[in-house]
Every structure is written in structure tokens, then in C-alpha cells.
Protein backbone atom coordinates (compact mmCIF):
# COMPACT_ATOMS: atom_id res chain seq x y z
CA MET A 1 46.39 -92.66 -22.30
CA GLY A 2 49.47 -93.70 -23.89
CA ALA A 3 52.63 -92.46 -22.97
CA ARG A 4 52.68 -90.31 -27.07
CA ALA A 5 49.47 -88.90 -26.32
CA LYS A 6 50.58 -88.28 -22.65
CA ARG A 7 53.39 -86.34 -24.43
CA SER A 8 51.29 -84.43 -26.42
CA GLN A 9 48.81 -83.40 -23.98
CA ASP A 10 51.99 -82.13 -21.89
CA THR A 11 53.81 -80.60 -25.12
CA ILE A 12 50.35 -78.54 -25.66
CA GLY A 13 49.63 -77.35 -22.55
CA SER A 14 53.15 -76.12 -22.21
CA ILE A 15 52.08 -74.23 -25.48
CA THR A 16 48.98 -72.66 -24.90
CA GLN A 17 49.02 -72.45 -20.95
CA PRO A 18 51.00 -68.99 -21.30
CA ARG A 19 48.70 -67.72 -24.49
CA THR A 20 45.49 -67.75 -22.36
CA SER A 21 47.05 -64.96 -19.80
CA ALA A 22 49.49 -63.65 -23.27
CA ILE A 23 45.89 -62.72 -25.25
CA SER A 24 44.51 -60.80 -21.94
CA TRP A 25 47.74 -58.23 -22.03
CA GLY A 26 47.36 -58.26 -26.02
CA GLU A 27 49.93 -60.03 -26.94
CA TYR A 28 47.99 -61.62 -30.05
CA GLU A 29 50.83 -62.43 -32.19
CA GLU A 30 52.43 -64.44 -29.76
CA ALA A 31 48.97 -66.22 -28.98
CA PHE A 32 48.31 -66.92 -32.35
CA GLN A 33 51.61 -68.72 -32.81
CA SER A 34 51.02 -70.60 -30.09
CA TRP A 35 47.58 -72.03 -30.77
CA GLN A 36 48.70 -72.37 -34.40
CA SER A 37 51.18 -75.09 -32.86
CA ALA A 38 48.49 -76.14 -30.32
CA LEU A 39 46.08 -76.85 -33.62
CA LYS A 40 48.85 -78.38 -35.59
CA ILE A 41 49.49 -81.20 -32.90
CA TYR A 42 45.91 -81.61 -31.87
CA GLN A 43 45.15 -82.69 -36.05
CA GLU A 44 48.69 -85.05 -35.64
CA VAL A 45 47.40 -87.05 -32.72
CA LYS A 46 43.95 -87.27 -33.91
CA ASP A 47 42.66 -85.13 -30.29
CA ARG A 48 39.37 -83.40 -31.72
CA ALA A 49 38.23 -82.49 -28.45
CA GLY A 50 41.70 -79.87 -28.07
CA GLU A 51 41.61 -79.17 -31.36
CA SER A 52 37.85 -77.92 -30.99
CA LYS A 53 39.21 -76.13 -28.06
CA VAL A 54 42.18 -74.42 -29.92
CA LEU A 55 39.56 -73.27 -32.91
CA ASN A 56 37.34 -71.68 -29.80
CA ASN A 57 40.27 -69.64 -28.74
CA LEU A 58 41.20 -68.51 -32.07
CA GLY A 59 37.90 -67.45 -32.49
CA ILE A 60 37.80 -65.80 -29.60
CA ALA A 61 40.84 -63.81 -30.23
CA TYR A 62 39.96 -62.49 -33.84
CA TYR A 63 36.10 -61.76 -32.24
CA SER A 64 38.29 -59.61 -29.68
CA LEU A 65 40.28 -57.91 -32.43
CA GLY A 66 36.73 -57.14 -34.27
CA GLN A 67 37.79 -59.49 -37.42
CA PHE A 68 34.62 -61.44 -37.49
CA THR A 69 34.78 -62.88 -40.86
CA LYS A 70 37.90 -64.87 -39.39
CA ALA A 71 36.53 -66.15 -36.55
CA VAL A 72 33.23 -66.93 -38.23
CA PRO A 73 34.87 -69.98 -39.83
CA LEU A 74 37.17 -70.95 -36.85
CA PHE A 75 33.54 -71.32 -34.94
CA GLN A 76 32.05 -73.33 -37.62
CA GLN A 77 34.81 -75.99 -37.52
CA ARG A 78 34.27 -75.97 -33.80
CA LEU A 79 30.61 -76.54 -34.23
CA THR A 80 31.52 -79.61 -36.95
CA ILE A 81 33.66 -81.19 -34.24
CA SER A 82 31.47 -80.80 -31.42
CA ARG A 83 28.45 -82.38 -33.07
CA GLU A 84 30.96 -85.17 -34.60
CA LEU A 85 32.04 -85.75 -30.58
CA ASN A 86 28.41 -85.22 -29.30
CA ASP A 87 29.37 -82.26 -27.27
CA ARG A 88 26.32 -80.38 -26.94
CA GLN A 89 28.25 -77.83 -24.30
CA ALA A 90 30.48 -76.92 -27.10
CA GLU A 91 28.49 -77.40 -29.41
CA ALA A 92 26.19 -74.81 -27.79
CA TYR A 93 28.75 -72.32 -27.16
CA ALA A 94 30.11 -72.61 -30.97
CA LEU A 95 26.10 -71.80 -32.21
CA ASP A 96 26.17 -68.85 -29.61
CA SER A 97 30.08 -67.51 -30.86
CA LEU A 98 28.14 -67.74 -34.37
CA GLY A 99 25.38 -65.78 -33.83
CA LEU A 100 27.33 -63.16 -32.15
CA ASN A 101 29.78 -62.67 -35.12
CA TYR A 102 27.01 -62.48 -37.50
CA ILE A 103 25.22 -59.76 -35.21
CA GLN A 104 28.66 -58.04 -35.49
CA LEU A 105 28.78 -58.71 -39.20
CA GLY A 106 25.35 -57.11 -39.71
CA GLN A 107 23.63 -60.43 -41.23
CA TYR A 108 20.70 -60.59 -38.44
CA LYS A 109 18.95 -63.60 -40.15
CA GLN A 110 21.74 -65.59 -40.12
CA ALA A 111 22.29 -64.62 -36.22
CA ILE A 112 18.87 -65.54 -35.58
CA ALA A 113 19.51 -69.28 -37.69
CA PHE A 114 22.24 -69.89 -35.05
CA TYR A 115 20.34 -68.99 -32.24
CA GLN A 116 16.88 -71.07 -32.98
């Protein structure tokens, strides 16, 4: 890992670490801002795995707030990235998350499609 990439990882870590605990305390706005900043950095340094993790965090937060229609595109992006990276575990989590969101939206056929 180059020096620039290492600095970016350190910066992202300092941005996202406190937010993971913030979300559990219901400080969603602060967490969303931090994750959006981290997402932008991951995209700039072309760290697709990091981008996928942040998209997952955002999706989970929206799911927790009952904002399923906002969560779905984030999990779809994560699914796309997971497949690009051949990360089967992240792909499985993304598929499961999409299924859960579609169940909450009452779109059961769509949910089943993601579980198959």
C-alpha cells in the first residue's frame, strides 16, 4: 500500500470509527455526514471494498430508520461492487439485505428473487 493510500485509509478510519458507535445512540445525522465523507474519499482513491462497506453502513442506517426505499439503491450498489470484486460474502450480505428491505416494502416476489 502506497503512502497516499495509507493516509487515505487513516483519514477514513478516523471519520468512520466514531460514527459506528454514534449510530447505535441514534445520532443518525452525524453518522450519515461522516459516511458520506468517507464514501467520497473511497471513491476518489478508487477503494471499491471500502466503498462497499460504507454503502452497507448507510443502507443499514436507512433500514433502521424504516426508510427502505433509500436503503435499496445502496444495497444494490454494494451488490454490484461485491460482484466486481468477487467478494462472495459481501455479495451474500447484500442479497440478504435487499431481500429484507423488499419484505418490509411488501414486495415479496422481489424479496424471493434476491433469496434464490
